[in-house]
Protein backbone atom coordinates (compact mmCIF):
# COMPACT_ATOMS: atom_id res chain seq x y z
CA MET A 1 3.43 -9.69 15.74
CA THR A 2 4.25 -6.32 14.05
CA ARG A 3 7.78 -4.26 13.17
CA SER A 4 7.55 -0.95 13.07
CA ALA A 5 10.74 1.03 11.32
CA GLY A 6 12.99 -2.20 12.26
CA TRP A 7 15.24 -2.30 8.85
CA ALA A 8 18.19 -0.34 8.61
CA ASP A 9 18.51 2.91 7.08
CA CYS A 10 14.60 2.95 7.86
CA PRO A 11 13.59 6.59 9.75
CA ILE A 12 10.14 7.58 10.99
CA LEU A 13 9.76 10.93 8.65
CA PRO A 14 8.24 12.69 11.47
CA ALA A 15 5.48 14.78 11.17
CA LEU A 16 5.82 18.83 13.28
CA ARG A 17 3.53 20.22 15.52
CA ARG A 18 2.81 23.85 15.68
CA ASP A 19 5.33 24.81 17.68
CA GLN A 20 7.61 22.64 15.07
CA THR A 21 8.36 19.88 17.15
CA PRO A 22 8.54 16.77 16.07
CA VAL A 23 6.12 14.11 16.53
CA LYS A 24 8.13 10.39 15.47
CA THR A 25 5.01 8.36 16.71
CA PRO A 26 2.03 8.88 15.32
CA PRO A 27 -0.45 7.91 17.74
CA ALA A 28 -1.95 4.82 17.48
CA ASP A 29 -4.86 5.82 20.14
CA PHE A 30 -6.12 8.44 17.64
CA ILE A 31 -6.39 6.34 15.16
CA ARG A 32 -8.22 3.49 17.41
CA ALA A 33 -10.43 6.39 18.20
CA ASN A 34 -11.50 7.94 14.79
CA THR A 35 -11.75 4.56 12.71
CA ALA A 36 -13.94 1.60 12.66
CA ILE A 37 -13.13 -1.90 12.46
CA ALA A 38 -14.61 -3.56 9.55
CA ALA A 39 -13.86 -5.81 6.37
CA PRO A 40 -13.74 -3.57 2.45
CA VAL A 41 -16.24 -5.10 0.43
CA HIS A 42 -14.14 -7.11 -1.54
CA LEU A 43 -12.39 -8.63 0.94
CA PRO A 44 -14.20 -10.14 3.98
CA GLU A 45 -11.24 -12.10 4.59
CA ILE A 46 -9.19 -8.80 6.17
CA ARG A 47 -10.63 -6.16 8.93
CA LEU A 48 -8.69 -2.86 8.83
CA HIS A 49 -9.32 0.37 10.87
CA LEU A 50 -11.63 2.19 8.40
CA ALA A 51 -12.56 5.90 8.16
CA ASP A 52 -16.11 7.43 6.29
CA GLU A 53 -14.70 10.29 5.38
CA ALA A 54 -11.04 11.59 4.28
CA LEU A 55 -11.83 15.69 4.78
CA SER A 56 -12.85 15.72 7.71
CA LEU A 57 -10.41 12.97 8.94
CA TRP A 58 -7.37 15.33 8.13
CA HIS A 59 -8.51 18.64 9.59
CA LYS A 60 -9.32 16.41 13.15
CA THR A 61 -5.61 14.81 13.03
CA GLU A 62 -4.21 18.24 12.49
CA ASN A 63 -6.50 20.04 15.08
CA GLU A 64 -6.48 17.67 18.20
CA LEU A 65 -3.05 16.96 17.81
CA GLY A 66 -1.90 20.84 16.83
CA LEU A 67 0.24 18.80 13.83
CA LEU A 68 0.99 21.07 10.53
CA GLY A 69 1.87 19.61 7.14
CA LEU A 70 0.00 16.27 7.44
CA PRO A 71 -0.35 14.59 4.08
CA PRO A 72 -3.74 13.16 3.31
CA PRO A 73 -4.98 10.42 5.39
CA PHE A 74 -5.10 7.43 2.69
CA TRP A 75 -4.06 4.82 5.37
CA ALA A 76 -7.52 4.89 6.58
CA PHE A 77 -8.69 3.73 3.44
CA ALA A 78 -9.19 0.62 1.28
CA TRP A 79 -8.30 1.80 -2.38
CA ALA A 80 -9.43 -0.09 -4.98
CA GLY A 81 -6.13 -0.52 -6.39
CA GLY A 82 -4.60 -2.08 -3.41
CA GLN A 83 -8.31 -4.22 -3.25
CA GLY A 84 -7.83 -5.73 -6.48
CA LEU A 85 -4.16 -7.01 -5.88
CA ALA A 86 -5.21 -7.97 -2.55
CA ARG A 87 -8.00 -10.54 -4.14
CA HIS A 88 -5.81 -11.63 -6.93
CA ILE A 89 -2.99 -12.38 -4.08
CA LEU A 90 -5.77 -14.11 -1.93
CA ASP A 91 -7.16 -16.02 -4.85
CA PHE A 92 -3.77 -16.81 -6.02
CA PRO A 93 -1.74 -17.15 -3.41
CA GLU A 94 0.93 -19.56 -5.26
CA LEU A 95 1.98 -16.10 -6.60
CA VAL A 96 3.75 -15.05 -3.11
CA LYS A 97 3.60 -18.71 -1.25
CA GLY A 98 7.06 -19.54 1.03
CA ARG A 99 8.88 -16.04 -0.99
CA SER A 100 10.29 -12.77 0.48
CA VAL A 101 7.56 -10.02 -0.58
CA LEU A 102 7.91 -6.77 -0.56
CA ASP A 103 4.37 -4.19 -0.68
CA PHE A 104 5.27 -1.17 -2.09
CA GLY A 105 3.20 2.10 -0.86
CA THR A 106 1.39 -0.45 1.56
CA GLY A 107 -1.04 2.68 2.70
CA SER A 108 -3.59 0.46 5.10
CA GLY A 109 -1.14 -2.52 4.47
CA VAL A 110 -4.03 -4.52 2.73
CA VAL A 111 -1.95 -5.87 0.24
CA ALA A 112 0.84 -6.82 2.50
CA ILE A 113 -1.69 -8.59 5.07
CA ALA A 114 -2.93 -10.48 1.91
CA ALA A 115 0.12 -11.37 1.22
CA ALA A 116 1.09 -12.56 4.73
CA LEU A 117 -2.29 -14.59 4.80
CA ALA A 118 -1.76 -16.38 1.45
CA GLY A 119 1.38 -17.91 2.86
CA ALA A 120 4.09 -15.35 1.58
CA ARG A 121 7.30 -15.41 4.33
CA GLN A 122 6.57 -13.36 7.10
CA PRO A 123 7.52 -10.78 8.05
CA VAL A 124 6.11 -9.55 4.68
CA GLY A 125 7.94 -6.16 4.23
CA ALA A 126 5.74 -2.98 3.72
CA ILE A 127 7.07 0.38 2.93
CA ASP A 128 5.21 3.96 3.10
CA VAL A 129 6.90 7.53 3.54
CA ASP A 130 3.88 8.36 5.77
CA PRO A 131 4.88 7.79 9.19
CA TRP A 132 0.77 7.61 10.26
CA SER A 133 0.73 4.55 7.72
CA VAL A 134 3.55 2.71 9.64
CA VAL A 135 0.79 3.12 12.35
CA ALA A 136 -2.03 1.92 11.02
CA ALA A 137 -0.37 -0.47 8.67
CA GLY A 138 0.69 -2.76 11.83
CA LEU A 139 -2.52 -2.10 13.95
CA ASN A 140 -4.54 -3.89 11.39
CA ALA A 141 -1.95 -6.56 11.23
CA ARG A 142 -2.06 -7.34 14.83
CA LEU A 143 -6.00 -7.37 13.64
CA ASN A 144 -5.57 -10.14 10.93
CA GLY A 145 -3.06 -12.04 13.01
CA VAL A 146 0.07 -11.51 10.72
CA ASP A 147 3.52 -10.28 10.36
CA ILE A 148 4.38 -7.55 8.39
CA ASP A 149 7.86 -5.28 8.88
CA VAL A 150 6.63 -1.88 8.03
CA CYS A 151 9.05 1.29 8.26
CA ALA A 152 8.64 5.05 6.74
CA ARG A 153 10.95 5.07 3.98
CA ASP A 154 11.36 6.59 0.37
CA ILE A 155 13.15 3.14 -0.93
CA ILE A 156 12.62 3.64 -4.44
CA GLY A 157 16.04 2.55 -6.06
CA HIS A 158 17.32 -0.28 -4.05
CA ASP A 159 16.72 -3.77 -3.64
CA GLU A 160 16.80 -6.24 -1.05
CA GLY A 161 16.68 -9.42 -3.06
CA TRP A 162 12.98 -9.62 -2.63
CA ASP A 163 11.13 -12.36 -4.70
CA VAL A 164 8.40 -10.39 -5.01
CA VAL A 165 6.94 -6.44 -5.41
CA LEU A 166 3.26 -5.79 -4.78
CA ALA A 167 2.34 -2.00 -5.69
CA GLY A 168 -1.34 -0.59 -5.22
CA ASP A 169 -2.04 2.32 -7.32
CA VAL A 170 0.84 3.55 -7.59
CA PHE A 171 0.58 5.34 -11.53
CA TYR A 172 -1.78 8.24 -9.74
CA ASP A 173 0.64 11.05 -11.45
CA LYS A 174 3.52 11.74 -13.70
CA ALA A 175 5.97 12.58 -11.54
CA MET A 176 5.46 9.61 -9.02
CA THR A 177 5.30 6.91 -13.02
CA ASP A 178 8.35 8.59 -14.07
CA ARG A 179 10.14 7.83 -10.31
CA VAL A 180 8.75 4.36 -9.99
CA LEU A 181 8.69 2.77 -13.05
CA PRO A 182 12.28 2.07 -14.11
CA TRP A 183 12.88 0.96 -10.96
CA LEU A 184 9.92 -1.78 -10.70
CA GLU A 185 10.96 -2.55 -14.18
CA ALA A 186 14.50 -2.96 -12.64
CA LEU A 187 13.50 -5.25 -10.30
CA ALA A 188 11.17 -6.94 -12.61
CA GLY A 189 14.62 -7.26 -14.86
CA ARG A 190 17.02 -9.37 -12.07
CA GLY A 191 14.18 -12.10 -11.59
CA ALA A 192 11.57 -10.75 -8.81
CA GLN A 193 7.83 -10.44 -9.60
CA VAL A 194 6.30 -6.84 -9.99
CA ILE A 195 2.49 -6.84 -9.66
CA VAL A 196 0.57 -3.70 -9.28
CA GLY A 197 -3.14 -3.12 -8.87
CA ASP A 198 -4.10 -0.30 -11.19
CA PRO A 199 -7.93 1.41 -10.89
CA GLY A 200 -7.63 3.19 -14.85
CA ARG A 201 -5.39 6.19 -13.41
CA SER A 202 -4.37 8.38 -16.12
CA TYR A 203 -0.39 7.59 -16.04
CA CYS A 204 -0.62 4.10 -15.92
CA PRO A 205 1.64 2.61 -18.42
CA ARG A 206 -0.37 -0.10 -19.60
CA ASP A 207 1.90 -0.44 -22.72
CA ARG A 208 4.05 -1.73 -20.74
CA LEU A 209 2.55 -3.68 -18.39
CA ARG A 210 1.35 -7.47 -18.88
CA LEU A 211 -2.75 -8.13 -18.01
CA GLU A 212 -3.11 -10.94 -15.45
CA ALA A 213 -6.58 -9.96 -14.23
CA THR A 214 -9.70 -7.31 -13.90
CA TYR A 215 -11.74 -6.51 -10.54
CA CYS A 216 -14.95 -4.72 -9.91
CA VAL A 217 -14.55 -2.89 -6.65
CA PRO A 218 -16.64 -1.00 -4.52
CA VAL A 219 -15.68 2.07 -3.64
CA THR A 220 -17.16 5.05 -2.08
CA ARG A 221 -17.61 8.78 -3.89
CA ALA A 222 -16.16 10.20 -1.44
CA LEU A 223 -12.46 9.16 -2.45
CA GLU A 224 -12.89 8.19 -6.04
CA ASP A 225 -15.60 9.83 -9.64
CA ALA A 226 -17.29 6.13 -8.98
CA ASP A 227 -19.19 3.60 -7.39
CA VAL A 228 -17.45 0.78 -8.63
CA LYS A 229 -13.82 1.33 -10.01
CA THR A 230 -12.67 -1.60 -12.32
CA THR A 231 -9.10 -2.63 -10.63
CA SER A 232 -6.27 -3.65 -13.16
CA VAL A 233 -3.88 -6.27 -11.46
CA LEU A 234 -0.62 -5.87 -14.07
CA ARG A 235 2.53 -7.60 -13.97
CA VAL A 236 5.83 -5.28 -14.67
CA ILE A 237 7.97 -6.96 -17.58
CA ALA A 238 11.33 -6.00 -17.68
CA PRO A 239 11.85 -3.55 -20.92
CA GLU A 240 14.17 -5.78 -22.72
CA GLN A 241 11.20 -8.55 -22.86
CA PRO A 242 8.63 -8.70 -24.67
CA CYS A 243 5.33 -7.64 -23.65
CA ARG A 244 1.69 -7.27 -24.37
CA GLY A 245 -0.34 -4.31 -23.64
CA VAL A 246 -3.41 -4.28 -22.32
């Protein structure tokens, strides 16, 4: 079972139709019709609703549904940062087993699904500001028979007592890094395990993280600038603690 927008103070962030009418719940049927069920190469245990090409799906979403202001369909792909992090969780289930977990910036839901499969306390929390991600992650959770509590919410700065916080590919630009890093460090400082997956982004603050593992993740050039991305799995260290840069 998957819960959408089940948390308190957790509103769905609506897209707008061309007539400015809010669309509170993106249509699951559209996602099913415009994706194919497949397992990412690096994660044969997990099935997802995946798209072949981002730009055409983005245009089709806006044109067929008459929507304005949609973000790119990040939810329709298994990005290298998330794949590497999900692989690490599946390979080392003791990191999450029996613990409360938040997947921050869940996208397709692949990291939350991996955590649930690895034995995390269910429902696994999953957050993304894109309401399409909420629907897609919910569909993907059902495909894999796991329970995640997924909603669209800007949660940066909040702390709901999670034991483990996971984040795939969140250091993609300076503004995001400047916002999210102090929050992740604060969570680590109060005792949470905070683990991120990063596919070599320029704004990843490696001098403030500890390297846990490295994975070579096959990707498509439609999304990245290479056929394989080297993804680092990194632990966020509280600022007052000594850390080893990578």
